[in-house]
Amino acid sequence: MCFGNCARCTGYKLLVLALLCIVANILLYFPNGETRFASEHHLSKYVECLHGILGGGFLVLLPAIVLIGRHQVCCAGAGHEDCGKGCLMLSSVLAAFVGILGSGYCIIISALGLSQGPYCLTTVGRNWIYPFTESSGGYLLEYKKWSQCQEPQNIVQWNVTLFSILLVLGGIEFILCSIYIISAILRGICGLCSHHEEVGPFFRGELEKNALKCGLFRTFPVFCK
């Protein structure tokens, strides 16, 4: 099976997940479709961290675009590839690493947002506070306490739903990028072993010289064949 097809499949999945993260983060800014709470800065501080727009969104769009646009790179042994394809493989691995950072950021902020709870106007004291910050996430199972938040209406349900969605989406993105990097490294190692077994000393020396020209031999020897 061609490795390039797998990469493009992963890229399309990351593209969809990134767009969903952006939409979910935007919805956090407008509880019940109202804009006044964002303009009055009456939202949780974790909403403004842009973890879905920046982390799970644009930073994941980068590997998605790279993987979708990369040329077809087939399994080792199908023929000699030039250094350009090796550099393309390396760039896709680096892009996937950026995706891991972005999705990891999305996971962390989403978890913190769920743990702290929403920023709302409470029925007791009529103040804008974080009423569930001391519960360390325990409020998630104490549905009767959700009524403490008077404004925005249903803000607890709104935040819990969207932060949970972002947490799951970020987790899937993290897994996909990690699997791609691991599979690329394993492919490089297996290809290197096969490469040394199948070629003679003379051809191996020539291949090493070509790889050194593009500066990739020591890091990913099999990518420059």
N, C-alpha and C. Protein backbone atom coordinates (compact mmCIF):
# COMPACT_ATOMS: atom_id res chain seq x y z
N MET A 1 0.85 -1.20 0.00
CA MET A 1 0.00 0.00 0.00
C MET A 1 0.88 1.24 0.00
N CYS A 2 0.51 2.22 -0.81
CA CYS A 2 1.33 3.41 -0.94
C CYS A 2 1.23 4.28 0.31
N PHE A 3 2.39 4.69 0.83
CA PHE A 3 2.45 5.51 2.04
C PHE A 3 1.83 6.88 1.80
N GLY A 4 1.95 7.38 0.54
CA GLY A 4 1.39 8.70 0.23
C GLY A 4 -0.12 8.74 0.37
N ASN A 5 -0.80 7.63 0.01
CA ASN A 5 -2.25 7.57 0.15
C ASN A 5 -2.65 7.63 1.62
N CYS A 6 -1.91 6.94 2.48
CA CYS A 6 -2.18 6.98 3.93
C CYS A 6 -2.00 8.38 4.47
N ALA A 7 -0.96 9.06 3.99
CA ALA A 7 -0.69 10.42 4.45
C ALA A 7 -1.83 11.35 4.06
N ARG A 8 -2.30 11.25 2.83
CA ARG A 8 -3.39 12.11 2.39
C ARG A 8 -4.68 11.82 3.15
N CYS A 9 -4.92 10.53 3.44
CA CYS A 9 -6.10 10.16 4.22
C CYS A 9 -6.04 10.80 5.60
N THR A 10 -4.87 10.74 6.25
CA THR A 10 -4.68 11.37 7.56
C THR A 10 -4.85 12.88 7.45
N GLY A 11 -4.35 13.46 6.37
CA GLY A 11 -4.47 14.89 6.17
C GLY A 11 -5.91 15.36 6.08
N TYR A 12 -6.75 14.61 5.35
CA TYR A 12 -8.16 14.99 5.24
C TYR A 12 -8.87 14.88 6.59
N LYS A 13 -8.52 13.87 7.36
CA LYS A 13 -9.12 13.73 8.69
C LYS A 13 -8.73 14.90 9.59
N LEU A 14 -7.46 15.27 9.55
CA LEU A 14 -7.00 16.41 10.36
C LEU A 14 -7.66 17.70 9.91
N LEU A 15 -7.90 17.84 8.61
CA LEU A 15 -8.54 19.05 8.08
C LEU A 15 -9.95 19.19 8.66
N VAL A 16 -10.72 18.12 8.64
CA VAL A 16 -12.08 18.16 9.18
C VAL A 16 -12.07 18.44 10.68
N LEU A 17 -11.18 17.78 11.40
CA LEU A 17 -11.10 17.97 12.86
C LEU A 17 -10.70 19.41 13.20
N ALA A 18 -9.76 19.97 12.45
CA ALA A 18 -9.33 21.34 12.70
C ALA A 18 -10.46 22.33 12.48
N LEU A 19 -11.23 22.14 11.43
CA LEU A 19 -12.35 23.04 11.16
C LEU A 19 -13.42 22.93 12.25
N LEU A 20 -13.65 21.71 12.73
CA LEU A 20 -14.62 21.53 13.82
C LEU A 20 -14.15 22.21 15.10
N CYS A 21 -12.84 22.16 15.37
CA CYS A 21 -12.29 22.84 16.55
C CYS A 21 -12.48 24.34 16.46
N ILE A 22 -12.27 24.89 15.29
CA ILE A 22 -12.44 26.33 15.10
C ILE A 22 -13.89 26.74 15.35
N VAL A 23 -14.82 25.97 14.80
CA VAL A 23 -16.24 26.27 14.98
C VAL A 23 -16.63 26.17 16.45
N ALA A 24 -16.16 25.12 17.13
CA ALA A 24 -16.51 24.93 18.55
C ALA A 24 -15.97 26.07 19.41
N ASN A 25 -14.77 26.52 19.13
CA ASN A 25 -14.18 27.62 19.90
C ASN A 25 -14.92 28.93 19.64
N ILE A 26 -15.35 29.15 18.42
CA ILE A 26 -16.12 30.36 18.10
C ILE A 26 -17.45 30.35 18.85
N LEU A 27 -18.08 29.19 18.91
CA LEU A 27 -19.36 29.09 19.62
C LEU A 27 -19.21 29.39 21.11
N LEU A 28 -18.06 29.09 21.69
CA LEU A 28 -17.82 29.40 23.10
C LEU A 28 -17.92 30.90 23.37
N TYR A 29 -17.62 31.70 22.36
CA TYR A 29 -17.67 33.16 22.52
C TYR A 29 -19.10 33.70 22.53
N PHE A 30 -20.06 32.91 22.09
CA PHE A 30 -21.42 33.41 21.95
C PHE A 30 -22.42 32.46 22.62
N PRO A 31 -22.46 32.48 23.95
CA PRO A 31 -23.43 31.62 24.67
C PRO A 31 -24.85 31.93 24.24
N ASN A 32 -25.58 30.89 23.85
CA ASN A 32 -26.97 31.03 23.40
C ASN A 32 -27.10 31.97 22.20
N GLY A 33 -26.01 32.16 21.48
CA GLY A 33 -26.04 33.03 20.31
C GLY A 33 -25.97 34.50 20.62
N GLU A 34 -25.69 34.87 21.86
CA GLU A 34 -25.62 36.28 22.27
C GLU A 34 -24.17 36.77 22.22
N THR A 35 -24.00 38.00 21.77
CA THR A 35 -22.66 38.58 21.60
C THR A 35 -22.26 39.49 22.75
N ARG A 36 -23.20 39.91 23.57
CA ARG A 36 -22.90 40.94 24.59
C ARG A 36 -21.94 40.44 25.67
N PHE A 37 -21.95 39.15 25.96
CA PHE A 37 -21.08 38.65 27.02
C PHE A 37 -19.61 38.68 26.59
N ALA A 38 -19.37 38.47 25.31
CA ALA A 38 -18.00 38.56 24.81
C ALA A 38 -17.53 40.01 24.82
N SER A 39 -18.38 40.93 24.40
CA SER A 39 -18.00 42.35 24.37
C SER A 39 -17.82 42.91 25.77
N GLU A 40 -18.53 42.36 26.75
CA GLU A 40 -18.42 42.83 28.13
C GLU A 40 -17.38 42.04 28.93
N HIS A 41 -16.69 41.12 28.27
CA HIS A 41 -15.65 40.28 28.89
C HIS A 41 -16.20 39.46 30.06
N HIS A 42 -17.38 38.92 29.87
CA HIS A 42 -18.01 38.08 30.87
C HIS A 42 -17.97 36.61 30.43
N LEU A 43 -16.80 36.19 30.02
CA LEU A 43 -16.60 34.81 29.61
C LEU A 43 -15.43 34.22 30.38
N SER A 44 -15.38 32.91 30.43
CA SER A 44 -14.26 32.24 31.11
C SER A 44 -12.94 32.62 30.44
N LYS A 45 -11.90 32.77 31.24
CA LYS A 45 -10.59 33.14 30.70
C LYS A 45 -10.04 32.08 29.75
N TYR A 46 -10.49 30.84 29.92
CA TYR A 46 -10.00 29.77 29.04
C TYR A 46 -10.66 29.81 27.67
N VAL A 47 -11.80 30.50 27.57
CA VAL A 47 -12.42 30.69 26.26
C VAL A 47 -11.53 31.57 25.39
N GLU A 48 -10.89 32.56 26.01
CA GLU A 48 -10.07 33.53 25.29
C GLU A 48 -8.66 33.02 25.01
N CYS A 49 -8.36 31.79 25.38
CA CYS A 49 -7.03 31.22 25.09
C CYS A 49 -6.89 30.76 23.65
N LEU A 50 -8.01 30.76 22.91
CA LEU A 50 -8.00 30.37 21.49
C LEU A 50 -7.44 28.96 21.27
N HIS A 51 -7.71 28.08 22.21
CA HIS A 51 -7.16 26.74 22.09
C HIS A 51 -7.77 25.96 20.92
N GLY A 52 -9.03 26.27 20.60
CA GLY A 52 -9.65 25.60 19.47
C GLY A 52 -9.34 26.27 18.14
N ILE A 53 -9.23 27.59 18.16
CA ILE A 53 -8.94 28.32 16.92
C ILE A 53 -7.48 28.22 16.56
N LEU A 54 -6.61 28.47 17.53
CA LEU A 54 -5.17 28.45 17.26
C LEU A 54 -4.58 27.06 17.42
N GLY A 55 -4.79 26.44 18.59
CA GLY A 55 -4.18 25.14 18.87
C GLY A 55 -4.72 24.01 18.02
N GLY A 56 -5.98 23.64 18.29
CA GLY A 56 -6.59 22.55 17.53
C GLY A 56 -7.01 22.93 16.14
N GLY A 57 -6.97 24.24 15.83
CA GLY A 57 -7.38 24.71 14.51
C GLY A 57 -6.23 24.95 13.56
N PHE A 58 -5.64 26.16 13.61
CA PHE A 58 -4.65 26.54 12.60
C PHE A 58 -3.35 25.72 12.71
N LEU A 59 -2.93 25.38 13.93
CA LEU A 59 -1.70 24.59 14.06
C LEU A 59 -1.88 23.16 13.55
N VAL A 60 -3.11 22.69 13.51
CA VAL A 60 -3.38 21.37 12.95
C VAL A 60 -3.66 21.46 11.46
N LEU A 61 -4.12 22.62 11.00
CA LEU A 61 -4.32 22.81 9.56
C LEU A 61 -3.00 22.70 8.80
N LEU A 62 -1.90 23.10 9.45
CA LEU A 62 -0.60 23.02 8.79
C LEU A 62 -0.25 21.59 8.38
N PRO A 63 -0.23 20.61 9.32
CA PRO A 63 0.06 19.24 8.88
C PRO A 63 -1.00 18.70 7.93
N ALA A 64 -2.25 19.13 8.10
CA ALA A 64 -3.31 18.66 7.21
C ALA A 64 -3.02 19.06 5.78
N ILE A 65 -2.64 20.31 5.56
CA ILE A 65 -2.36 20.80 4.22
C ILE A 65 -1.11 20.13 3.65
N VAL A 66 -0.07 19.97 4.49
CA VAL A 66 1.17 19.33 4.04
C VAL A 66 0.92 17.89 3.63
N LEU A 67 0.16 17.14 4.43
CA LEU A 67 -0.08 15.73 4.14
C LEU A 67 -0.99 15.55 2.92
N ILE A 68 -1.95 16.44 2.75
CA ILE A 68 -2.83 16.34 1.59
C ILE A 68 -2.07 16.68 0.31
N GLY A 69 -1.18 17.66 0.39
CA GLY A 69 -0.49 18.13 -0.80
C GLY A 69 0.78 17.40 -1.15
N ARG A 70 1.26 16.50 -0.28
CA ARG A 70 2.53 15.82 -0.54
C ARG A 70 2.40 14.87 -1.72
N HIS A 71 3.52 14.69 -2.42
CA HIS A 71 3.53 13.81 -3.57
C HIS A 71 3.46 12.35 -3.13
N GLN A 72 3.14 11.49 -4.05
CA GLN A 72 3.03 10.07 -3.75
C GLN A 72 4.41 9.48 -3.48
N VAL A 73 4.54 8.95 -2.25
CA VAL A 73 5.79 8.31 -1.86
C VAL A 73 5.47 6.86 -1.50
N CYS A 74 5.93 5.92 -2.31
CA CYS A 74 5.56 4.53 -2.12
C CYS A 74 6.56 3.82 -1.23
N CYS A 75 6.22 2.59 -0.90
CA CYS A 75 7.01 1.82 0.05
C CYS A 75 8.43 1.62 -0.44
N ALA A 76 9.35 1.50 0.53
CA ALA A 76 10.75 1.30 0.19
C ALA A 76 10.91 0.02 -0.62
N GLY A 77 11.79 0.06 -1.58
CA GLY A 77 12.03 -1.09 -2.43
C GLY A 77 11.30 -1.00 -3.75
N ALA A 78 10.37 -0.02 -3.91
CA ALA A 78 9.63 0.10 -5.16
C ALA A 78 10.45 0.83 -6.21
N GLY A 79 11.58 1.36 -5.85
CA GLY A 79 12.40 2.11 -6.79
C GLY A 79 13.16 3.18 -6.06
N HIS A 80 14.14 3.77 -6.69
CA HIS A 80 14.94 4.80 -6.04
C HIS A 80 14.24 6.14 -6.14
N GLU A 81 14.09 6.80 -4.99
CA GLU A 81 13.47 8.12 -4.94
C GLU A 81 14.57 9.18 -4.85
N ASP A 82 14.28 10.37 -5.33
CA ASP A 82 15.27 11.44 -5.26
C ASP A 82 15.21 12.14 -3.92
N CYS A 83 16.18 13.04 -3.70
CA CYS A 83 16.27 13.71 -2.41
C CYS A 83 15.07 14.61 -2.15
N GLY A 84 14.40 15.08 -3.24
CA GLY A 84 13.25 15.94 -3.05
C GLY A 84 12.15 15.26 -2.30
N LYS A 85 11.92 13.98 -2.58
CA LYS A 85 10.89 13.24 -1.89
C LYS A 85 11.28 12.97 -0.45
N GLY A 86 12.57 12.78 -0.22
CA GLY A 86 13.04 12.60 1.15
C GLY A 86 12.81 13.84 1.98
N CYS A 87 13.10 15.00 1.39
CA CYS A 87 12.89 16.26 2.09
C CYS A 87 11.40 16.49 2.34
N LEU A 88 10.56 16.04 1.39
CA LEU A 88 9.12 16.17 1.55
C LEU A 88 8.63 15.31 2.71
N MET A 89 9.18 14.11 2.83
CA MET A 89 8.83 13.24 3.94
C MET A 89 9.22 13.88 5.28
N LEU A 90 10.41 14.44 5.33
CA LEU A 90 10.89 15.08 6.55
C LEU A 90 10.01 16.26 6.91
N SER A 91 9.61 17.05 5.93
CA SER A 91 8.77 18.22 6.19
C SER A 91 7.40 17.79 6.72
N SER A 92 6.87 16.68 6.21
CA SER A 92 5.57 16.21 6.69
C SER A 92 5.66 15.73 8.14
N VAL A 93 6.79 15.12 8.52
CA VAL A 93 6.99 14.69 9.90
C VAL A 93 7.08 15.90 10.82
N LEU A 94 7.80 16.92 10.40
CA LEU A 94 7.91 18.14 11.21
C LEU A 94 6.55 18.83 11.34
N ALA A 95 5.76 18.83 10.24
CA ALA A 95 4.43 19.42 10.29
C ALA A 95 3.53 18.66 11.25
N ALA A 96 3.65 17.33 11.26
CA ALA A 96 2.86 16.51 12.19
C ALA A 96 3.25 16.81 13.63
N PHE A 97 4.53 17.11 13.86
CA PHE A 97 4.98 17.47 15.21
C PHE A 97 4.34 18.79 15.65
N VAL A 98 4.22 19.73 14.72
CA VAL A 98 3.51 20.99 15.02
C VAL A 98 2.06 20.70 15.38
N GLY A 99 1.45 19.74 14.65
CA GLY A 99 0.08 19.34 14.96
C GLY A 99 -0.05 18.76 16.36
N ILE A 100 0.96 18.01 16.79
CA ILE A 100 0.96 17.46 18.15
C ILE A 100 0.97 18.59 19.18
N LEU A 101 1.80 19.60 18.94
CA LEU A 101 1.85 20.75 19.86
C LEU A 101 0.52 21.47 19.92
N GLY A 102 -0.08 21.71 18.75
CA GLY A 102 -1.36 22.41 18.71
C GLY A 102 -2.48 21.63 19.37
N SER A 103 -2.59 20.35 19.06
CA SER A 103 -3.64 19.52 19.66
C SER A 103 -3.41 19.34 21.15
N GLY A 104 -2.14 19.24 21.57
CA GLY A 104 -1.84 19.14 22.99
C GLY A 104 -2.28 20.38 23.74
N TYR A 105 -2.06 21.54 23.14
CA TYR A 105 -2.51 22.81 23.73
C TYR A 105 -4.03 22.82 23.87
N CYS A 106 -4.71 22.33 22.84
CA CYS A 106 -6.17 22.28 22.86
C CYS A 106 -6.66 21.35 23.97
N ILE A 107 -6.01 20.23 24.15
CA ILE A 107 -6.40 19.27 25.19
C ILE A 107 -6.23 19.88 26.58
N ILE A 108 -5.09 20.50 26.81
CA ILE A 108 -4.79 21.06 28.14
C ILE A 108 -5.76 22.17 28.52
N ILE A 109 -5.99 23.11 27.61
CA ILE A 109 -6.88 24.24 27.91
C ILE A 109 -8.31 23.76 28.08
N SER A 110 -8.74 22.80 27.27
CA SER A 110 -10.10 22.27 27.40
C SER A 110 -10.29 21.60 28.75
N ALA A 111 -9.29 20.84 29.18
CA ALA A 111 -9.37 20.18 30.49
C ALA A 111 -9.42 21.21 31.62
N LEU A 112 -8.61 22.27 31.51
CA LEU A 112 -8.63 23.32 32.53
C LEU A 112 -9.96 24.06 32.54
N GLY A 113 -10.51 24.30 31.36
CA GLY A 113 -11.80 24.97 31.27
C GLY A 113 -12.91 24.16 31.91
N LEU A 114 -12.87 22.84 31.71
CA LEU A 114 -13.87 21.97 32.34
C LEU A 114 -13.68 21.92 33.85
N SER A 115 -12.42 21.91 34.29
CA SER A 115 -12.14 21.81 35.71
C SER A 115 -12.57 23.07 36.47
N GLN A 116 -12.32 24.24 35.88
CA GLN A 116 -12.64 25.48 36.59
C GLN A 116 -14.11 25.83 36.51
N GLY A 117 -14.74 25.50 35.42
CA GLY A 117 -16.15 25.85 35.25
C GLY A 117 -16.33 27.23 34.63
N PRO A 118 -17.56 27.63 34.38
CA PRO A 118 -17.83 28.90 33.69
C PRO A 118 -17.71 30.11 34.60
N TYR A 119 -17.57 31.25 33.97
CA TYR A 119 -17.60 32.55 34.64
C TYR A 119 -19.01 33.10 34.44
N CYS A 120 -19.72 33.32 35.54
CA CYS A 120 -21.13 33.67 35.38
C CYS A 120 -21.63 34.57 36.52
N LEU A 121 -22.80 35.12 36.31
CA LEU A 121 -23.49 35.92 37.33
C LEU A 121 -24.28 34.97 38.21
N THR A 122 -23.94 34.90 39.47
CA THR A 122 -24.56 33.91 40.36
C THR A 122 -25.82 34.46 41.02
N THR A 123 -26.68 33.54 41.43
CA THR A 123 -27.90 33.94 42.14
C THR A 123 -27.59 34.39 43.57
N VAL A 124 -26.50 33.88 44.11
CA VAL A 124 -26.08 34.26 45.47
C VAL A 124 -25.04 35.38 45.37
N GLY A 125 -25.37 36.55 45.88
CA GLY A 125 -24.44 37.66 45.86
C GLY A 125 -24.51 38.50 44.61
N ARG A 126 -25.11 37.96 43.57
CA ARG A 126 -25.25 38.70 42.30
C ARG A 126 -23.90 39.24 41.83
N ASN A 127 -22.89 38.40 41.85
CA ASN A 127 -21.56 38.80 41.40
C ASN A 127 -21.11 37.91 40.25
N TRP A 128 -20.22 38.45 39.41
CA TRP A 128 -19.62 37.65 38.34
C TRP A 128 -18.38 36.95 38.91
N ILE A 129 -18.49 35.65 39.06
CA ILE A 129 -17.40 34.87 39.65
C ILE A 129 -17.31 33.51 38.96
N TYR A 130 -16.32 32.71 39.42
CA TYR A 130 -16.23 31.31 39.02
C TYR A 130 -16.78 30.48 40.19
N PRO A 131 -18.05 30.15 40.20
CA PRO A 131 -18.65 29.50 41.37
C PRO A 131 -18.18 28.06 41.61
N PHE A 132 -17.60 27.42 40.61
CA PHE A 132 -17.23 26.01 40.75
C PHE A 132 -15.73 25.78 40.78
N THR A 133 -14.97 26.84 40.93
CA THR A 133 -13.51 26.70 40.85
C THR A 133 -12.93 25.84 41.96
N GLU A 134 -13.59 25.79 43.12
CA GLU A 134 -13.08 25.01 44.25
C GLU A 134 -13.45 23.53 44.16
N SER A 135 -14.34 23.20 43.25
CA SER A 135 -14.80 21.81 43.16
C SER A 135 -13.86 20.92 42.37
N SER A 136 -12.88 21.52 41.68
CA SER A 136 -11.90 20.76 40.87
C SER A 136 -12.59 19.81 39.89
N GLY A 137 -13.64 20.30 39.27
CA GLY A 137 -14.36 19.51 38.28
C GLY A 137 -15.48 18.68 38.85
N GLY A 138 -15.62 18.66 40.16
CA GLY A 138 -16.69 17.87 40.78
C GLY A 138 -18.08 18.35 40.41
N TYR A 139 -18.21 19.62 40.04
CA TYR A 139 -19.51 20.18 39.69
C TYR A 139 -20.12 19.50 38.47
N LEU A 140 -19.29 18.84 37.67
CA LEU A 140 -19.77 18.21 36.44
C LEU A 140 -20.81 17.14 36.74
N LEU A 141 -20.74 16.54 37.91
CA LEU A 141 -21.69 15.49 38.30
C LEU A 141 -22.76 16.00 39.26
N GLU A 142 -22.67 17.26 39.65
CA GLU A 142 -23.63 17.84 40.57
C GLU A 142 -24.54 18.81 39.81
N TYR A 143 -25.46 18.23 39.07
CA TYR A 143 -26.29 19.02 38.16
C TYR A 143 -27.16 20.06 38.87
N LYS A 144 -27.53 19.80 40.12
CA LYS A 144 -28.40 20.73 40.84
C LYS A 144 -27.69 22.06 41.08
N LYS A 145 -26.36 22.04 41.18
CA LYS A 145 -25.62 23.28 41.44
C LYS A 145 -25.48 24.15 40.20
N TRP A 146 -25.79 23.61 39.05
CA TRP A 146 -25.64 24.38 37.82
C TRP A 146 -26.57 25.59 37.80
N SER A 147 -27.64 25.52 38.55
CA SER A 147 -28.60 26.62 38.55
C SER A 147 -28.06 27.85 39.27
N GLN A 148 -26.89 27.73 39.91
CA GLN A 148 -26.28 28.90 40.55
C GLN A 148 -25.93 29.97 39.52
N CYS A 149 -25.63 29.57 38.32
CA CYS A 149 -25.30 30.53 37.26
C CYS A 149 -26.59 31.05 36.63
N GLN A 150 -26.81 32.34 36.80
CA GLN A 150 -28.03 32.95 36.28
C GLN A 150 -27.82 33.50 34.87
N GLU A 151 -26.69 34.12 34.66
CA GLU A 151 -26.34 34.64 33.33
C GLU A 151 -24.89 34.28 33.02
N PRO A 152 -24.62 33.97 31.76
CA PRO A 152 -25.56 33.69 30.67
C PRO A 152 -26.40 32.45 30.96
N GLN A 153 -27.59 32.40 30.42
CA GLN A 153 -28.48 31.28 30.66
C GLN A 153 -27.88 29.99 30.10
N ASN A 154 -27.99 28.93 30.90
CA ASN A 154 -27.49 27.61 30.49
C ASN A 154 -25.99 27.63 30.14
N ILE A 155 -25.25 28.53 30.79
CA ILE A 155 -23.83 28.66 30.47
C ILE A 155 -23.04 27.41 30.88
N VAL A 156 -23.48 26.73 31.93
CA VAL A 156 -22.76 25.53 32.36
C VAL A 156 -22.87 24.45 31.29
N GLN A 157 -24.09 24.21 30.83
CA GLN A 157 -24.29 23.22 29.78
C GLN A 157 -23.53 23.60 28.51
N TRP A 158 -23.55 24.89 28.20
CA TRP A 158 -22.89 25.38 26.98
C TRP A 158 -21.38 25.13 27.05
N ASN A 159 -20.78 25.51 28.18
CA ASN A 159 -19.34 25.33 28.33
C ASN A 159 -18.93 23.87 28.40
N VAL A 160 -19.68 23.09 29.19
CA VAL A 160 -19.34 21.68 29.35
C VAL A 160 -19.40 20.96 28.00
N THR A 161 -20.43 21.22 27.23
CA THR A 161 -20.58 20.56 25.93
C THR A 161 -19.45 20.92 24.98
N LEU A 162 -19.17 22.21 24.84
CA LEU A 162 -18.18 22.65 23.85
C LEU A 162 -16.75 22.34 24.29
N PHE A 163 -16.45 22.51 25.58
CA PHE A 163 -15.12 22.16 26.06
C PHE A 163 -14.88 20.65 25.94
N SER A 164 -15.92 19.85 26.18
CA SER A 164 -15.79 18.40 26.04
C SER A 164 -15.55 18.02 24.57
N ILE A 165 -16.27 18.69 23.66
CA ILE A 165 -16.07 18.43 22.23
C ILE A 165 -14.64 18.77 21.83
N LEU A 166 -14.14 19.92 22.30
CA LEU A 166 -12.77 20.32 21.96
C LEU A 166 -11.75 19.36 22.57
N LEU A 167 -12.03 18.86 23.75
CA LEU A 167 -11.14 17.90 24.39
C LEU A 167 -11.04 16.61 23.56
N VAL A 168 -12.18 16.13 23.09
CA VAL A 168 -12.21 14.90 22.29
C VAL A 168 -11.54 15.13 20.92
N LEU A 169 -11.88 16.24 20.28
CA LEU A 169 -11.30 16.53 18.97
C LEU A 169 -9.78 16.69 19.07
N GLY A 170 -9.33 17.41 20.10
CA GLY A 170 -7.89 17.57 20.30
C GLY A 170 -7.21 16.24 20.54
N GLY A 171 -7.88 15.35 21.29
CA GLY A 171 -7.31 14.04 21.54
C GLY A 171 -7.16 13.22 20.27
N ILE A 172 -8.17 13.27 19.41
CA ILE A 172 -8.10 12.53 18.14
C ILE A 172 -6.99 13.09 17.25
N GLU A 173 -6.88 14.42 17.21
CA GLU A 173 -5.81 15.05 16.43
C GLU A 173 -4.44 14.62 16.93
N PHE A 174 -4.29 14.61 18.25
CA PHE A 174 -3.02 14.21 18.85
C PHE A 174 -2.67 12.77 18.47
N ILE A 175 -3.64 11.89 18.51
CA ILE A 175 -3.41 10.48 18.19
C ILE A 175 -3.03 10.32 16.71
N LEU A 176 -3.75 11.01 15.82
CA LEU A 176 -3.47 10.88 14.39
C LEU A 176 -2.07 11.38 14.04
N CYS A 177 -1.68 12.53 14.61
CA CYS A 177 -0.34 13.06 14.33
C CYS A 177 0.73 12.16 14.91
N SER A 178 0.49 11.61 16.09
CA SER A 178 1.47 10.71 16.71
C SER A 178 1.63 9.44 15.90
N ILE A 179 0.51 8.87 15.44
CA ILE A 179 0.57 7.65 14.64
C ILE A 179 1.33 7.89 13.35
N TYR A 180 1.10 9.06 12.73
CA TYR A 180 1.80 9.35 11.47
C TYR A 180 3.31 9.44 11.69
N ILE A 181 3.72 10.12 12.75
CA ILE A 181 5.16 10.25 13.02
C ILE A 181 5.78 8.88 13.32
N ILE A 182 5.10 8.09 14.14
CA ILE A 182 5.63 6.77 14.48
C ILE A 182 5.74 5.88 13.24
N SER A 183 4.70 5.91 12.40
CA SER A 183 4.73 5.08 11.19
C SER A 183 5.82 5.54 10.23
N ALA A 184 6.05 6.85 10.16
CA ALA A 184 7.11 7.36 9.28
C ALA A 184 8.49 6.93 9.78
N ILE A 185 8.68 6.99 11.10
CA ILE A 185 9.97 6.57 11.67
C ILE A 185 10.19 5.07 11.47
N LEU A 186 9.14 4.27 11.72
CA LEU A 186 9.26 2.82 11.53
C LEU A 186 9.52 2.48 10.07
N ARG A 187 8.88 3.21 9.18
CA ARG A 187 9.10 2.98 7.76
C ARG A 187 10.54 3.30 7.39
N GLY A 188 11.08 4.36 8.01
CA GLY A 188 12.46 4.71 7.75
C GLY A 188 13.42 3.65 8.26
N ILE A 189 13.15 3.13 9.47
CA ILE A 189 14.03 2.11 10.04
C ILE A 189 13.97 0.81 9.23
N CYS A 190 12.74 0.38 8.90
CA CYS A 190 12.59 -0.86 8.14
C CYS A 190 13.17 -0.72 6.74
N GLY A 191 12.99 0.47 6.16
CA GLY A 191 13.54 0.70 4.83
C GLY A 191 15.06 0.70 4.85
N LEU A 192 15.63 1.23 5.96
CA LEU A 192 17.09 1.25 6.08
C LEU A 192 17.65 -0.16 6.17
N CYS A 193 16.98 -1.02 6.97
CA CYS A 193 17.44 -2.41 7.10
C CYS A 193 17.36 -3.12 5.76
N SER A 194 16.24 -2.95 5.07
CA SER A 194 16.07 -3.57 3.77
C SER A 194 17.08 -3.03 2.77
N HIS A 195 17.36 -1.74 2.88
CA HIS A 195 18.28 -1.07 1.97
C HIS A 195 19.70 -1.65 2.10
N HIS A 196 20.15 -1.87 3.33
CA HIS A 196 21.50 -2.39 3.55
C HIS A 196 21.61 -3.85 3.16
N GLU A 197 20.49 -4.58 3.20
CA GLU A 197 20.54 -5.98 2.85
C GLU A 197 20.54 -6.19 1.34
N GLU A 198 19.89 -5.27 0.59
CA GLU A 198 19.67 -5.50 -0.82
C GLU A 198 20.74 -4.89 -1.72
N VAL A 199 21.48 -3.88 -1.26
CA VAL A 199 22.44 -3.22 -2.13
C VAL A 199 23.85 -3.62 -1.74
N GLY A 200 24.76 -3.60 -2.72
CA GLY A 200 26.14 -3.93 -2.47
C GLY A 200 26.91 -2.75 -1.94
N PRO A 201 28.16 -2.96 -1.55
CA PRO A 201 28.98 -1.89 -0.97
C PRO A 201 29.13 -0.70 -1.90
N PHE A 202 29.34 -0.97 -3.20
CA PHE A 202 29.57 0.13 -4.13
C PHE A 202 28.33 1.01 -4.25
N PHE A 203 27.16 0.38 -4.44
CA PHE A 203 25.94 1.15 -4.60
C PHE A 203 25.54 1.82 -3.28
N ARG A 204 25.85 1.15 -2.17
CA ARG A 204 25.54 1.76 -0.89
C ARG A 204 26.35 3.04 -0.70
N GLY A 205 27.61 3.01 -1.11
CA GLY A 205 28.43 4.21 -1.00
C GLY A 205 27.91 5.33 -1.86
N GLU A 206 27.44 4.99 -3.07
CA GLU A 206 26.88 6.03 -3.95
C GLU A 206 25.61 6.61 -3.35
N LEU A 207 24.78 5.76 -2.76
CA LEU A 207 23.54 6.25 -2.16
C LEU A 207 23.82 7.16 -0.97
N GLU A 208 24.83 6.79 -0.20
CA GLU A 208 25.18 7.62 0.95
C GLU A 208 25.67 9.00 0.51
N LYS A 209 26.43 9.03 -0.57
CA LYS A 209 26.91 10.31 -1.07
C LYS A 209 25.75 11.19 -1.50
N ASN A 210 24.76 10.59 -2.19
CA ASN A 210 23.61 11.37 -2.63
C ASN A 210 22.80 11.87 -1.44
N ALA A 211 22.69 11.02 -0.42
CA ALA A 211 21.93 11.42 0.76
C ALA A 211 22.61 12.56 1.49
N LEU A 212 23.93 12.51 1.58
CA LEU A 212 24.68 13.56 2.27
C LEU A 212 24.53 14.90 1.57
N LYS A 213 24.30 14.88 0.28
CA LYS A 213 24.15 16.13 -0.47
C LYS A 213 22.93 16.90 0.00
N CYS A 214 21.88 16.22 0.38
CA CYS A 214 20.70 16.95 0.84
C CYS A 214 20.63 17.00 2.36
N GLY A 215 21.66 16.50 3.03
CA GLY A 215 21.80 16.66 4.47
C GLY A 215 20.83 15.85 5.30
N LEU A 216 20.34 14.72 4.77
CA LEU A 216 19.35 13.96 5.48
C LEU A 216 19.82 12.58 5.91
N PHE A 217 21.02 12.18 5.52
CA PHE A 217 21.42 10.79 5.74
C PHE A 217 21.48 10.42 7.21
N ARG A 218 22.01 11.30 8.04
CA ARG A 218 22.17 10.94 9.44
C ARG A 218 20.85 10.89 10.18
N THR A 219 19.85 11.67 9.71
CA THR A 219 18.58 11.70 10.40
C THR A 219 17.59 10.68 9.86
N PHE A 220 17.39 10.69 8.53
CA PHE A 220 16.48 9.76 7.90
C PHE A 220 17.20 9.15 6.68
N PRO A 221 18.07 8.15 6.87
CA PRO A 221 18.88 7.62 5.79
C PRO A 221 18.07 7.10 4.62
N VAL A 222 16.89 6.52 4.88
CA VAL A 222 16.17 5.87 3.81
C VAL A 222 15.44 6.87 2.92
N PHE A 223 15.30 8.10 3.37
CA PHE A 223 14.53 9.05 2.60
C PHE A 223 15.27 9.57 1.38
N CYS A 224 16.60 9.41 1.31
CA CYS A 224 17.36 9.89 0.16
C CYS A 224 18.04 8.71 -0.48
N LYS A 225 17.34 8.06 -1.37
CA LYS A 225 17.87 6.86 -2.00
C LYS A 225 18.15 7.13 -3.48
